[in-house]
């Protein structure tokens, strides 16, 4: 299906074997949301614990549980064809995020 919000720009950067950074913003809008999480991956489940939240985040970021310090999440994940698939609940439905590798080495 098409992206729910085509103006959403989201990156997930795995910085080390234990830390990843999630950053997102919307085209043509000011502000962003960013956090770092400690993670474990067992080949099926990605467990993340938010260990840092950017103090410059937009106030609306606090409505996203992924942007709350100490938040723990477990997400079914699979890797196929050089893409990372994350199955996330969205109300009564499930949404699959498909992350592809980027050659861009810059952090947003």
N, C-alpha and C. Protein backbone atom coordinates (compact mmCIF):
# COMPACT_ATOMS: atom_id res chain seq x y z
N UNK A 1 0.84 -1.18 0.00
CA UNK A 1 0.00 0.00 0.00
C UNK A 1 0.88 1.23 0.00
N UNK A 2 0.38 2.36 -0.41
CA UNK A 2 1.20 3.56 -0.41
C UNK A 2 1.57 3.97 1.02
N UNK A 3 2.63 4.76 1.11
CA UNK A 3 3.04 5.25 2.42
C UNK A 3 1.89 6.03 3.06
N UNK A 4 1.64 5.82 4.37
CA UNK A 4 0.57 6.58 5.04
C UNK A 4 0.82 8.09 4.99
N UNK A 5 2.08 8.49 5.05
CA UNK A 5 2.45 9.90 4.97
C UNK A 5 3.68 10.01 4.07
N UNK A 6 3.49 10.35 2.80
CA UNK A 6 4.63 10.40 1.88
C UNK A 6 5.66 11.47 2.24
N UNK A 7 5.30 12.42 3.11
CA UNK A 7 6.25 13.46 3.52
C UNK A 7 7.10 13.04 4.72
N UNK A 8 6.84 11.87 5.26
CA UNK A 8 7.61 11.38 6.40
C UNK A 8 8.96 10.85 5.93
N UNK A 9 10.03 11.38 6.52
CA UNK A 9 11.39 10.92 6.22
C UNK A 9 11.92 10.28 7.49
N UNK A 10 12.15 8.97 7.44
CA UNK A 10 12.52 8.22 8.63
C UNK A 10 13.79 7.42 8.36
N UNK A 11 14.74 7.49 9.30
CA UNK A 11 15.96 6.69 9.18
C UNK A 11 16.17 5.91 10.48
N UNK A 12 16.71 4.72 10.32
CA UNK A 12 17.11 3.88 11.43
C UNK A 12 18.56 3.51 11.18
N UNK A 13 19.44 4.01 12.03
CA UNK A 13 20.88 3.85 11.82
C UNK A 13 21.45 2.94 12.92
N UNK A 14 22.04 1.82 12.52
CA UNK A 14 22.67 0.91 13.46
C UNK A 14 24.13 1.33 13.59
N UNK A 15 24.46 2.00 14.70
CA UNK A 15 25.77 2.60 14.90
C UNK A 15 26.81 1.61 15.40
N UNK A 16 26.37 0.64 16.14
CA UNK A 16 27.28 -0.33 16.74
C UNK A 16 26.47 -1.61 16.95
N UNK A 17 27.13 -2.65 17.43
CA UNK A 17 26.37 -3.88 17.68
C UNK A 17 25.31 -3.76 18.78
N UNK A 18 25.26 -2.63 19.48
CA UNK A 18 24.28 -2.49 20.55
C UNK A 18 23.41 -1.24 20.47
N UNK A 19 23.76 -0.24 19.69
CA UNK A 19 23.04 1.04 19.68
C UNK A 19 22.51 1.35 18.28
N UNK A 20 21.24 1.81 18.23
CA UNK A 20 20.70 2.32 16.98
C UNK A 20 20.04 3.67 17.23
N UNK A 21 19.93 4.45 16.17
CA UNK A 21 19.30 5.77 16.26
C UNK A 21 18.12 5.82 15.30
N UNK A 22 16.98 6.23 15.82
CA UNK A 22 15.80 6.46 15.01
C UNK A 22 15.61 7.97 14.90
N UNK A 23 15.45 8.45 13.69
CA UNK A 23 15.27 9.89 13.44
C UNK A 23 14.17 10.04 12.40
N UNK A 24 13.23 10.94 12.66
CA UNK A 24 12.25 11.23 11.62
C UNK A 24 11.82 12.68 11.66
N UNK A 25 11.41 13.12 10.48
CA UNK A 25 10.89 14.48 10.29
C UNK A 25 9.92 14.41 9.11
N UNK A 26 9.30 15.53 8.86
CA UNK A 26 8.37 15.61 7.73
C UNK A 26 8.84 16.71 6.79
N UNK A 27 8.83 16.40 5.49
CA UNK A 27 9.20 17.40 4.49
C UNK A 27 8.31 18.63 4.65
N UNK A 28 8.89 19.79 4.48
CA UNK A 28 8.17 21.06 4.50
C UNK A 28 7.61 21.42 5.88
N UNK A 29 8.08 20.73 6.93
CA UNK A 29 7.67 21.05 8.30
C UNK A 29 8.92 21.20 9.15
N UNK A 30 8.88 22.09 10.11
CA UNK A 30 10.02 22.24 11.01
C UNK A 30 9.94 21.18 12.11
N UNK A 31 11.08 20.91 12.72
CA UNK A 31 11.12 19.97 13.84
C UNK A 31 11.43 18.55 13.41
N UNK A 32 11.80 17.76 14.40
CA UNK A 32 12.16 16.36 14.17
C UNK A 32 12.00 15.60 15.48
N UNK A 33 12.09 14.28 15.40
CA UNK A 33 12.12 13.40 16.56
C UNK A 33 13.33 12.48 16.40
N UNK A 34 14.09 12.30 17.48
CA UNK A 34 15.28 11.46 17.42
C UNK A 34 15.52 10.82 18.78
N UNK A 35 15.93 9.55 18.72
CA UNK A 35 16.28 8.84 19.95
C UNK A 35 17.34 7.78 19.64
N UNK A 36 18.05 7.37 20.69
CA UNK A 36 18.98 6.25 20.60
C UNK A 36 18.44 5.13 21.47
N UNK A 37 18.62 3.90 21.02
CA UNK A 37 18.17 2.74 21.78
C UNK A 37 19.25 1.69 21.82
N UNK A 38 19.32 1.00 22.94
CA UNK A 38 20.16 -0.18 23.05
C UNK A 38 19.32 -1.32 22.50
N UNK A 39 19.91 -2.17 21.67
CA UNK A 39 19.10 -3.21 21.05
C UNK A 39 19.76 -4.58 21.12
N UNK A 40 18.91 -5.59 21.02
CA UNK A 40 19.31 -6.99 20.89
C UNK A 40 18.48 -7.58 19.77
N UNK A 41 19.10 -8.41 18.94
CA UNK A 41 18.38 -9.06 17.86
C UNK A 41 18.72 -10.53 17.90
N UNK A 42 17.69 -11.39 18.01
CA UNK A 42 17.92 -12.84 18.11
C UNK A 42 17.65 -13.57 16.80
N UNK A 43 17.51 -12.82 15.71
CA UNK A 43 17.21 -13.43 14.43
C UNK A 43 15.72 -13.38 14.08
N UNK A 44 14.88 -13.08 15.09
CA UNK A 44 13.44 -12.99 14.86
C UNK A 44 12.83 -11.76 15.52
N UNK A 45 13.32 -11.42 16.70
CA UNK A 45 12.76 -10.32 17.49
C UNK A 45 13.84 -9.26 17.73
N UNK A 46 13.46 -8.00 17.50
CA UNK A 46 14.33 -6.86 17.81
C UNK A 46 13.80 -6.26 19.11
N UNK A 47 14.62 -6.33 20.16
CA UNK A 47 14.25 -5.73 21.44
C UNK A 47 15.05 -4.44 21.58
N UNK A 48 14.34 -3.34 21.85
CA UNK A 48 14.99 -2.04 21.96
C UNK A 48 14.59 -1.37 23.27
N UNK A 49 15.57 -0.72 23.90
CA UNK A 49 15.33 0.08 25.09
C UNK A 49 15.86 1.48 24.81
N UNK A 50 14.99 2.48 24.88
CA UNK A 50 15.37 3.86 24.59
C UNK A 50 16.28 4.35 25.72
N UNK A 51 17.51 4.76 25.33
CA UNK A 51 18.51 5.19 26.32
C UNK A 51 18.83 6.68 26.23
N UNK A 52 18.38 7.34 25.16
CA UNK A 52 18.63 8.77 24.99
C UNK A 52 17.56 9.35 24.08
N UNK A 53 17.05 10.50 24.46
CA UNK A 53 16.08 11.23 23.64
C UNK A 53 16.66 12.61 23.39
N UNK A 54 16.68 13.03 22.15
CA UNK A 54 17.26 14.32 21.80
C UNK A 54 16.50 15.45 22.50
N UNK A 55 17.20 16.28 23.28
CA UNK A 55 16.51 17.37 23.98
C UNK A 55 15.94 18.43 23.02
N UNK A 56 16.36 18.41 21.76
CA UNK A 56 15.85 19.36 20.76
C UNK A 56 14.63 18.82 20.02
N UNK A 57 14.13 17.65 20.41
CA UNK A 57 12.96 17.07 19.75
C UNK A 57 11.77 18.03 19.80
N UNK A 58 10.92 17.93 18.78
CA UNK A 58 9.67 18.68 18.77
C UNK A 58 8.82 18.22 19.95
N UNK A 59 8.03 19.12 20.53
CA UNK A 59 7.17 18.73 21.66
C UNK A 59 6.24 17.55 21.33
N UNK A 60 5.80 17.44 20.08
CA UNK A 60 4.88 16.36 19.70
C UNK A 60 5.53 14.97 19.79
N UNK A 61 6.86 14.90 19.85
CA UNK A 61 7.54 13.61 19.91
C UNK A 61 7.15 12.81 21.15
N UNK A 62 6.79 13.51 22.22
CA UNK A 62 6.45 12.82 23.47
C UNK A 62 5.19 11.96 23.32
N UNK A 63 4.43 12.16 22.23
CA UNK A 63 3.24 11.34 21.98
C UNK A 63 3.61 10.00 21.35
N UNK A 64 4.84 9.85 20.91
CA UNK A 64 5.32 8.62 20.28
C UNK A 64 6.04 7.80 21.34
N UNK A 65 5.53 6.62 21.65
CA UNK A 65 6.15 5.80 22.70
C UNK A 65 7.60 5.44 22.36
N UNK A 66 7.96 5.45 21.09
CA UNK A 66 9.34 5.17 20.68
C UNK A 66 10.29 6.31 21.06
N UNK A 67 9.74 7.43 21.51
CA UNK A 67 10.56 8.60 21.86
C UNK A 67 10.57 8.87 23.37
N UNK A 68 10.22 7.85 24.17
CA UNK A 68 10.18 8.02 25.62
C UNK A 68 11.35 7.28 26.27
N UNK A 69 12.11 8.00 27.05
CA UNK A 69 13.27 7.43 27.74
C UNK A 69 12.85 6.22 28.56
N UNK A 70 13.57 5.12 28.40
CA UNK A 70 13.29 3.90 29.15
C UNK A 70 12.29 2.97 28.49
N UNK A 71 11.63 3.43 27.43
CA UNK A 71 10.63 2.61 26.75
C UNK A 71 11.28 1.35 26.19
N UNK A 72 10.65 0.21 26.41
CA UNK A 72 11.14 -1.07 25.89
C UNK A 72 10.13 -1.57 24.87
N UNK A 73 10.62 -1.98 23.72
CA UNK A 73 9.74 -2.53 22.69
C UNK A 73 10.33 -3.83 22.15
N UNK A 74 9.46 -4.72 21.76
CA UNK A 74 9.87 -5.95 21.08
C UNK A 74 9.09 -6.01 19.78
N UNK A 75 9.81 -6.19 18.68
CA UNK A 75 9.22 -6.12 17.37
C UNK A 75 9.65 -7.31 16.52
N UNK A 76 8.71 -8.04 15.93
CA UNK A 76 9.09 -9.07 14.98
C UNK A 76 9.81 -8.44 13.79
N UNK A 77 10.95 -9.01 13.43
CA UNK A 77 11.79 -8.46 12.36
C UNK A 77 12.29 -9.61 11.50
N UNK A 78 12.38 -9.35 10.21
CA UNK A 78 13.01 -10.32 9.31
C UNK A 78 13.84 -9.55 8.29
N UNK A 79 14.88 -10.21 7.82
CA UNK A 79 15.75 -9.61 6.81
C UNK A 79 15.63 -10.45 5.55
N UNK A 80 15.36 -9.78 4.44
CA UNK A 80 15.20 -10.47 3.17
C UNK A 80 15.56 -9.51 2.05
N UNK A 81 16.29 -10.00 1.05
CA UNK A 81 16.66 -9.19 -0.11
C UNK A 81 17.26 -7.84 0.29
N UNK A 82 18.14 -7.88 1.29
CA UNK A 82 18.85 -6.69 1.77
C UNK A 82 17.92 -5.61 2.32
N UNK A 83 16.75 -6.02 2.80
CA UNK A 83 15.82 -5.09 3.43
C UNK A 83 15.45 -5.64 4.81
N UNK A 84 15.12 -4.73 5.71
CA UNK A 84 14.71 -5.07 7.07
C UNK A 84 13.21 -4.83 7.16
N UNK A 85 12.45 -5.86 7.52
CA UNK A 85 11.01 -5.77 7.62
C UNK A 85 10.63 -5.80 9.11
N UNK A 86 9.91 -4.76 9.55
CA UNK A 86 9.46 -4.67 10.95
C UNK A 86 7.94 -4.68 10.96
N UNK A 87 7.36 -5.61 11.69
CA UNK A 87 5.91 -5.71 11.80
C UNK A 87 5.45 -4.96 13.04
N UNK A 88 4.72 -3.86 12.82
CA UNK A 88 4.30 -2.98 13.91
C UNK A 88 2.78 -2.90 13.98
N UNK A 89 2.22 -2.96 15.20
CA UNK A 89 0.77 -2.84 15.33
C UNK A 89 0.32 -1.41 15.02
N UNK A 90 -0.79 -1.28 14.34
CA UNK A 90 -1.38 0.02 14.04
C UNK A 90 -2.87 -0.12 14.29
N UNK A 91 -3.29 0.15 15.52
CA UNK A 91 -4.68 -0.08 15.91
C UNK A 91 -4.96 -1.56 15.87
N UNK A 92 -5.99 -1.94 15.13
CA UNK A 92 -6.34 -3.35 15.01
C UNK A 92 -5.63 -4.04 13.86
N UNK A 93 -4.86 -3.27 13.10
CA UNK A 93 -4.14 -3.82 11.96
C UNK A 93 -2.65 -3.90 12.26
N UNK A 94 -1.93 -4.52 11.37
CA UNK A 94 -0.47 -4.57 11.48
C UNK A 94 0.13 -3.89 10.26
N UNK A 95 1.12 -3.07 10.51
CA UNK A 95 1.80 -2.34 9.45
C UNK A 95 3.22 -2.88 9.36
N UNK A 96 3.69 -3.14 8.16
CA UNK A 96 5.06 -3.60 7.98
C UNK A 96 5.90 -2.46 7.42
N UNK A 97 6.89 -2.04 8.21
CA UNK A 97 7.86 -1.05 7.74
C UNK A 97 8.94 -1.81 6.98
N UNK A 98 9.30 -1.30 5.82
CA UNK A 98 10.36 -1.90 5.03
C UNK A 98 11.51 -0.90 4.98
N UNK A 99 12.62 -1.27 5.59
CA UNK A 99 13.80 -0.41 5.64
C UNK A 99 14.81 -0.93 4.62
N UNK A 100 15.34 -0.04 3.81
CA UNK A 100 16.37 -0.42 2.85
C UNK A 100 17.66 0.31 3.21
N UNK A 101 18.75 -0.31 2.82
CA UNK A 101 20.06 0.28 3.10
C UNK A 101 20.26 1.54 2.27
N UNK A 102 20.96 2.46 2.86
CA UNK A 102 21.31 3.70 2.17
C UNK A 102 22.82 3.80 2.12
N UNK A 103 23.35 4.29 1.03
CA UNK A 103 24.78 4.50 0.94
C UNK A 103 25.18 5.82 1.57
N UNK A 104 24.20 6.63 1.96
CA UNK A 104 24.47 7.90 2.60
C UNK A 104 24.98 7.66 4.01
N UNK A 105 26.18 8.08 4.29
CA UNK A 105 26.80 7.87 5.59
C UNK A 105 26.54 8.98 6.58
N UNK A 106 25.85 10.04 6.13
CA UNK A 106 25.59 11.18 7.00
C UNK A 106 24.41 10.88 7.91
N UNK A 107 24.47 11.42 9.12
CA UNK A 107 23.37 11.32 10.06
C UNK A 107 22.45 12.50 9.82
N UNK A 108 21.13 12.28 9.85
CA UNK A 108 20.18 13.38 9.58
C UNK A 108 20.38 14.53 10.56
